[in-house]
Amino acid sequence: MVQPLLSVENLKTFFIKGDVEVHAVDGIDLTIYPKQIVCIVGESGCGKSMTSLSIMGLVPKPHGRVVDGQIWFGGQNLLGMTESQLSTIRGNDISMIFQEPMTSLNPVLTIGDQMTEVLLRHRNISKLQALQKVIEMLEFVGVARAKDIVKEYPHQFSGGMRQRVMIGMAMICEPKLLIADEPTTALDVTIQAQVLDLMKRMRDEFETSVMMITHDLGVVAEIADQVVVMYAGQVVESASADHLFEDPLHPYSQALLKSIPSLDEEKEILYSIPGTVPDSSKYPTGCRFAERCEWTQPSCIEKMPELREVKPGQFARCDLI
């Protein structure tokens, strides 16, 4: 039986300041297997990015902290590690593509300096060897003039080029797990398709698992093996991509799919989910989607539903199913 590469169990990440307690991530479970692409989807404010930062050990301090749960990676609990131990894993075994490449790259350092820094930190090689490997990686991710690019600065590149540099930097040490936080946001559709193809190539050639955070269900349909739908800090549905698109079970998953524009239907007004995500410091007692759900019953407001297996391999957090 194949063992999971990453296993997140009952993860809770809160922000606590005085009497205010914000439940950014509130008890999620997540499993990623080798060479698997898992997409985490949901609206802004549902806890997707904070889940990734919790895995990386980068929860903003001093108010943010992981208050419960376990994060198992390669047989080790990341939450039990010291900062020094985590720093040997970040960039080497687990890498992350952050949401905005322009702010993630250092504007006063050349691309070559920033990418070789990762190799020199984790590999026992010379700076010249590191630079050669950087050039090879830039060519792999489709950057033209790689030998010249390493001498240039981030502001000299377009958004698509900066995104490719970020992907190359994340993959330079051939990590086992790549976390990609909205890697195609603000890119035109042509570059977006190229980035998705590139990530699939990395999965195949480096045997890297990918955890992708996105709100774009078109991206999910293109790349995902497994989909985790998050809402208000919780997982509300987990299924294979095929099952989720063919037969979504949770009302929130159904609403997300209903929001996708379709060329086959003539609609003057696009569907949008009514209301907003509830305040993460004042979650309701029952189902957190109840106020926005068209199927809500009195029992939904009174009791929090459990995440349960409704169909083989398909889990949902709804008692009405």
Protein backbone atom coordinates (compact mmCIF):
# COMPACT_ATOMS: atom_id res chain seq x y z
CA MET A 1 0.00 0.00 0.00
CA VAL A 2 1.32 3.45 -0.95
CA GLN A 3 2.09 5.62 2.08
CA PRO A 4 1.04 9.29 2.10
CA LEU A 5 3.76 11.87 1.49
CA LEU A 6 1.91 14.46 3.58
CA SER A 7 -0.77 13.82 6.18
CA VAL A 8 -2.46 16.72 8.00
CA GLU A 9 -4.60 15.73 10.97
CA ASN A 10 -7.04 18.03 12.81
CA LEU A 11 -4.96 21.13 12.05
CA LYS A 12 -6.04 24.26 13.90
CA THR A 13 -4.32 27.59 13.30
CA PHE A 14 -5.63 30.53 15.32
CA PHE A 15 -4.77 34.20 15.64
CA ILE A 16 -5.10 35.31 19.24
CA LYS A 17 -4.87 38.90 20.43
CA GLY A 18 -6.40 39.81 23.77
CA ASP A 19 -9.94 38.44 23.91
CA VAL A 20 -10.24 38.04 20.13
CA GLU A 21 -9.61 34.55 18.74
CA VAL A 22 -9.68 34.14 14.95
CA HIS A 23 -10.02 30.53 13.76
CA ALA A 24 -8.25 30.77 10.40
CA VAL A 25 -7.91 26.99 10.07
CA ASP A 26 -10.28 25.02 12.26
CA GLY A 27 -9.63 21.29 12.32
CA ILE A 28 -8.81 20.18 8.78
CA ASP A 29 -7.58 16.80 7.55
CA LEU A 30 -5.60 16.51 4.32
CA THR A 31 -3.64 13.71 2.63
CA ILE A 32 -1.30 13.95 -0.35
CA TYR A 33 0.32 10.91 -1.96
CA PRO A 34 3.53 10.75 -4.05
CA LYS A 35 3.19 12.26 -7.56
CA GLN A 36 -0.36 13.45 -6.76
CA ILE A 37 -1.74 16.90 -7.58
CA VAL A 38 -4.22 18.07 -4.95
CA CYS A 39 -6.12 21.33 -5.42
CA ILE A 40 -7.55 23.25 -2.47
CA VAL A 41 -10.41 25.49 -3.55
CA GLY A 42 -12.73 27.97 -1.88
CA GLU A 43 -13.46 31.68 -1.60
CA SER A 44 -11.02 34.19 -0.14
CA GLY A 45 -10.93 33.97 3.65
CA CYS A 46 -11.63 30.23 3.84
CA GLY A 47 -8.18 29.31 5.21
CA LYS A 48 -6.46 27.96 2.11
CA SER A 49 -3.28 30.04 2.25
CA MET A 50 -3.05 29.76 6.04
CA THR A 51 -3.13 25.97 5.68
CA SER A 52 -0.08 26.13 3.40
CA LEU A 53 1.76 28.52 5.73
CA SER A 54 1.03 26.19 8.66
CA ILE A 55 2.61 23.29 6.76
CA MET A 56 5.68 25.40 5.97
CA GLY A 57 5.97 26.65 9.56
CA LEU A 58 5.50 30.25 8.39
CA VAL A 59 2.41 31.29 10.36
CA PRO A 60 2.76 35.05 11.05
CA LYS A 61 3.96 35.77 14.58
CA PRO A 62 3.39 36.81 17.30
CA HIS A 63 -0.40 36.39 17.22
CA GLY A 64 -0.65 33.43 14.85
CA ARG A 65 -0.02 29.92 16.12
CA VAL A 66 -0.90 26.29 15.44
CA VAL A 67 -2.90 25.32 18.51
CA ASP A 68 -3.70 21.69 17.67
CA GLY A 69 -3.15 18.91 15.17
CA GLN A 70 -0.29 17.09 13.49
CA ILE A 71 1.48 17.51 10.15
CA TRP A 72 3.27 14.32 9.10
CA PHE A 73 5.80 14.53 6.28
CA GLY A 74 8.05 11.60 5.45
CA GLY A 75 7.31 9.99 8.81
CA GLN A 76 8.15 13.14 10.81
CA ASN A 77 5.78 15.51 12.57
CA LEU A 78 6.69 18.98 11.30
CA LEU A 79 4.97 20.63 14.27
CA GLY A 80 7.44 18.97 16.63
CA MET A 81 10.50 20.37 14.85
CA THR A 82 12.67 23.31 15.83
CA GLU A 83 13.09 26.29 13.51
CA SER A 84 16.58 25.03 12.61
CA GLN A 85 15.20 21.61 11.62
CA LEU A 86 12.41 23.18 9.57
CA SER A 87 14.86 25.40 7.70
CA THR A 88 16.65 22.29 6.36
CA ILE A 89 13.33 21.04 4.93
CA ARG A 90 12.04 24.32 3.45
CA GLY A 91 13.30 24.77 -0.09
CA ASN A 92 14.79 21.28 -0.09
CA ASP A 93 12.06 18.72 0.61
CA ILE A 94 9.10 21.13 0.60
CA SER A 95 9.06 24.25 -1.58
CA MET A 96 6.46 26.95 -2.03
CA ILE A 97 5.47 29.27 -4.84
CA PHE A 98 4.02 32.32 -3.12
CA GLN A 99 0.97 34.19 -4.35
CA GLU A 100 2.61 37.32 -5.77
CA PRO A 101 5.96 36.81 -7.57
CA MET A 102 6.81 40.52 -7.68
CA THR A 103 6.76 40.86 -3.89
CA SER A 104 8.29 37.41 -3.32
CA LEU A 105 11.44 38.17 -5.30
CA ASN A 106 14.06 40.50 -3.81
CA PRO A 107 14.20 43.62 -6.03
CA VAL A 108 17.86 44.42 -5.21
CA LEU A 109 19.32 40.98 -5.98
CA THR A 110 19.78 39.43 -9.41
CA ILE A 111 17.81 36.33 -10.33
CA GLY A 112 21.05 34.34 -10.33
CA ASP A 113 21.95 35.41 -6.79
CA GLN A 114 18.49 34.53 -5.47
CA MET A 115 18.34 31.11 -7.10
CA THR A 116 21.90 30.06 -6.29
CA GLU A 117 21.28 30.95 -2.63
CA VAL A 118 18.81 28.05 -2.39
CA LEU A 119 21.33 25.56 -3.80
CA LEU A 120 24.23 26.80 -1.70
CA ARG A 121 22.04 26.46 1.41
CA HIS A 122 21.02 22.86 0.74
CA ARG A 123 23.73 21.37 -1.51
CA ASN A 124 27.46 21.00 -1.04
CA ILE A 125 28.48 22.55 -4.37
CA SER A 126 30.49 25.53 -5.58
CA LYS A 127 28.91 28.81 -6.64
CA LEU A 128 29.91 28.14 -10.25
CA GLN A 129 28.22 24.71 -10.17
CA ALA A 130 25.14 26.27 -8.56
CA LEU A 131 24.96 28.93 -11.28
CA GLN A 132 25.15 26.28 -14.01
CA LYS A 133 22.31 24.34 -12.39
CA VAL A 134 20.26 27.54 -12.15
CA ILE A 135 20.72 28.15 -15.88
CA GLU A 136 19.62 24.57 -16.62
CA MET A 137 16.52 24.97 -14.43
CA LEU A 138 15.57 28.28 -16.06
CA GLU A 139 15.81 26.61 -19.46
CA PHE A 140 13.65 23.75 -18.17
CA VAL A 141 10.88 26.14 -17.07
CA GLY A 142 10.93 27.85 -20.46
CA VAL A 143 12.90 31.02 -19.77
CA ALA A 144 14.69 32.26 -22.89
CA ARG A 145 18.22 33.70 -22.69
CA ALA A 146 18.81 31.94 -19.37
CA LYS A 147 22.53 32.84 -19.31
CA ASP A 148 21.67 36.52 -19.55
CA ILE A 149 18.59 36.36 -17.31
CA VAL A 150 20.64 35.30 -14.27
CA LYS A 151 22.34 38.71 -14.33
CA GLU A 152 19.09 40.68 -14.43
CA TYR A 153 16.66 41.93 -11.77
CA PRO A 154 12.96 41.05 -11.14
CA HIS A 155 11.63 44.41 -12.35
CA GLN A 156 13.01 43.68 -15.81
CA PHE A 157 10.63 40.73 -16.28
CA SER A 158 6.96 40.38 -17.16
CA GLY A 159 4.52 38.72 -14.74
CA GLY A 160 4.71 35.42 -16.61
CA MET A 161 8.51 35.45 -16.59
CA ARG A 162 8.63 36.20 -12.86
CA GLN A 163 6.23 33.32 -12.24
CA ARG A 164 8.51 30.96 -14.18
CA VAL A 165 11.48 32.16 -12.13
CA MET A 166 9.52 31.47 -8.94
CA ILE A 167 8.68 27.96 -10.15
CA GLY A 168 12.32 27.36 -11.11
CA MET A 169 13.48 28.57 -7.70
CA ALA A 170 10.99 26.30 -5.95
CA MET A 171 12.06 23.28 -8.03
CA ILE A 172 15.83 23.86 -8.03
CA CYS A 173 16.41 21.27 -5.27
CA GLU A 174 13.86 18.83 -6.74
CA PRO A 175 11.56 18.81 -3.68
CA LYS A 176 9.16 16.00 -2.83
CA LEU A 177 6.29 18.44 -2.29
CA LEU A 178 5.56 21.72 -4.08
CA ILE A 179 2.99 24.07 -2.56
CA ALA A 180 1.67 26.53 -5.14
CA ASP A 181 -0.45 29.40 -3.79
CA GLU A 182 -2.51 30.86 -6.66
CA PRO A 183 0.34 30.32 -9.18
CA THR A 184 -1.74 31.46 -12.17
CA THR A 185 -3.41 34.55 -10.68
CA ALA A 186 -3.12 37.68 -12.85
CA LEU A 187 -1.64 35.72 -15.77
CA ASP A 188 -3.28 35.75 -19.19
CA VAL A 189 -4.85 32.48 -20.32
CA THR A 190 -1.99 31.56 -22.66
CA ILE A 191 0.69 31.90 -19.96
CA GLN A 192 -1.66 30.23 -17.48
CA ALA A 193 -1.90 27.15 -19.70
CA GLN A 194 1.89 27.06 -20.09
CA VAL A 195 2.39 27.25 -16.30
CA LEU A 196 -0.06 24.38 -15.72
CA ASP A 197 1.68 22.25 -18.37
CA LEU A 198 4.98 23.04 -16.71
CA MET A 199 3.73 21.88 -13.31
CA LYS A 200 2.53 18.60 -14.80
CA ARG A 201 5.95 18.13 -16.42
CA MET A 202 7.60 18.67 -13.03
CA ARG A 203 5.31 16.08 -11.48
CA ASP A 204 6.26 13.55 -14.16
CA GLU A 205 10.00 14.28 -14.41
CA PHE A 206 10.89 15.01 -10.77
CA GLU A 207 8.13 12.83 -9.19
CA THR A 208 7.03 15.87 -7.21
CA SER A 209 3.65 16.02 -5.48
CA VAL A 210 1.80 19.31 -5.85
CA MET A 211 -0.57 21.04 -3.45
CA MET A 212 -2.19 23.85 -5.41
CA ILE A 213 -4.30 26.57 -3.85
CA THR A 214 -6.72 28.22 -6.24
CA HIS A 215 -10.18 29.69 -6.62
CA ASP A 216 -10.24 28.96 -10.35
CA LEU A 217 -12.21 25.78 -11.04
CA GLY A 218 -11.00 25.84 -14.64
CA VAL A 219 -7.48 25.30 -13.32
CA VAL A 220 -8.76 22.51 -11.07
CA ALA A 221 -10.39 20.70 -13.99
CA GLU A 222 -7.15 20.97 -15.97
CA ILE A 223 -4.65 19.72 -13.42
CA ALA A 224 -6.12 18.14 -10.26
CA ASP A 225 -6.16 14.48 -9.26
CA GLN A 226 -7.87 15.20 -5.93
CA VAL A 227 -9.88 18.26 -4.83
CA VAL A 228 -10.37 19.58 -1.31
CA VAL A 229 -13.11 22.20 -0.93
CA MET A 230 -12.63 24.53 2.06
CA TYR A 231 -15.15 26.87 3.62
CA ALA A 232 -14.80 28.96 6.78
CA GLY A 233 -11.66 27.17 7.97
CA GLN A 234 -13.02 23.66 7.41
CA VAL A 235 -12.98 20.99 4.72
CA VAL A 236 -16.56 20.66 3.46
CA GLU A 237 -15.87 18.18 0.65
CA SER A 238 -13.01 15.99 -0.53
CA ALA A 239 -13.15 13.91 -3.69
CA SER A 240 -11.36 13.02 -6.89
CA ALA A 241 -11.59 15.74 -9.53
CA ASP A 242 -13.79 13.54 -11.73
CA HIS A 243 -16.27 12.85 -8.92
CA LEU A 244 -16.41 16.48 -7.80
CA PHE A 245 -17.24 17.81 -11.26
CA GLU A 246 -19.66 15.00 -12.13
CA ASP A 247 -21.50 14.79 -8.81
CA PRO A 248 -20.68 17.48 -6.21
CA LEU A 249 -22.30 16.58 -2.88
CA HIS A 250 -21.97 19.58 -0.59
CA PRO A 251 -24.22 22.60 -1.35
CA TYR A 252 -21.14 24.86 -1.32
CA SER A 253 -19.38 22.72 -3.94
CA GLN A 254 -22.55 22.80 -6.04
CA ALA A 255 -22.74 26.59 -5.70
CA LEU A 256 -19.09 27.02 -6.76
CA LEU A 257 -19.65 24.94 -9.88
CA LYS A 258 -22.90 26.77 -10.60
CA SER A 259 -20.93 30.05 -10.58
CA ILE A 260 -18.78 29.00 -13.55
CA PRO A 261 -19.83 30.84 -16.74
CA SER A 262 -21.03 28.47 -19.46
CA LEU A 263 -21.05 29.07 -23.20
CA ASP A 264 -23.79 26.48 -23.63
CA GLU A 265 -26.37 28.39 -21.62
CA GLU A 266 -27.88 31.74 -22.44
CA LYS A 267 -27.93 33.71 -19.19
CA GLU A 268 -28.20 37.44 -18.85
CA ILE A 269 -27.04 37.36 -15.21
CA LEU A 270 -24.28 35.08 -13.91
CA TYR A 271 -25.04 33.12 -10.74
CA SER A 272 -23.28 34.28 -7.57
CA ILE A 273 -23.45 32.77 -4.10
CA PRO A 274 -25.49 35.08 -1.84
CA GLY A 275 -23.92 36.53 1.30
CA THR A 276 -20.30 36.31 2.43
CA VAL A 277 -18.00 33.97 4.34
CA PRO A 278 -18.77 34.31 8.09
CA ASP A 279 -16.46 36.21 10.43
CA SER A 280 -13.75 33.75 11.53
CA SER A 281 -13.85 35.12 15.07
CA LYS A 282 -17.62 34.52 15.35
CA TYR A 283 -18.43 31.27 13.60
CA PRO A 284 -22.02 30.01 14.05
CA THR A 285 -22.75 26.93 16.15
CA GLY A 286 -24.14 24.84 13.30
CA CYS A 287 -23.20 24.48 9.65
CA ARG A 288 -21.09 27.46 8.62
CA PHE A 289 -22.65 27.57 5.18
CA ALA A 290 -26.22 27.46 6.50
CA GLU A 291 -26.96 31.19 6.10
CA ARG A 292 -26.04 31.07 2.40
CA CYS A 293 -27.46 27.64 1.56
CA GLU A 294 -30.78 27.27 -0.27
CA TRP A 295 -31.42 23.86 1.36
CA THR A 296 -30.96 24.93 5.01
CA GLN A 297 -33.09 23.13 7.64
CA PRO A 298 -33.47 24.02 11.37
CA SER A 299 -31.12 21.16 12.28
CA CYS A 300 -28.38 22.74 10.13
CA ILE A 301 -28.32 25.82 12.36
CA GLU A 302 -28.35 23.84 15.62
CA LYS A 303 -25.63 21.24 15.01
CA MET A 304 -22.24 21.23 13.28
CA PRO A 305 -22.22 18.40 10.69
CA GLU A 306 -19.28 15.98 10.64
CA LEU A 307 -17.13 15.30 7.58
CA ARG A 308 -18.15 11.78 6.56
CA GLU A 309 -17.70 9.40 3.64
CA VAL A 310 -20.94 9.67 1.66
CA LYS A 311 -19.72 7.70 -1.35
CA PRO A 312 -16.57 5.60 -1.74
CA GLY A 313 -13.67 8.07 -1.68
CA GLN A 314 -15.98 11.11 -1.54
CA PHE A 315 -16.36 12.94 1.78
CA ALA A 316 -18.79 15.76 2.58
CA ARG A 317 -19.75 17.82 5.65
CA CYS A 318 -23.55 17.92 5.32
CA ASP A 319 -26.30 16.02 7.19
CA LEU A 320 -28.84 16.59 4.41
CA ILE A 321 -27.03 14.32 1.95
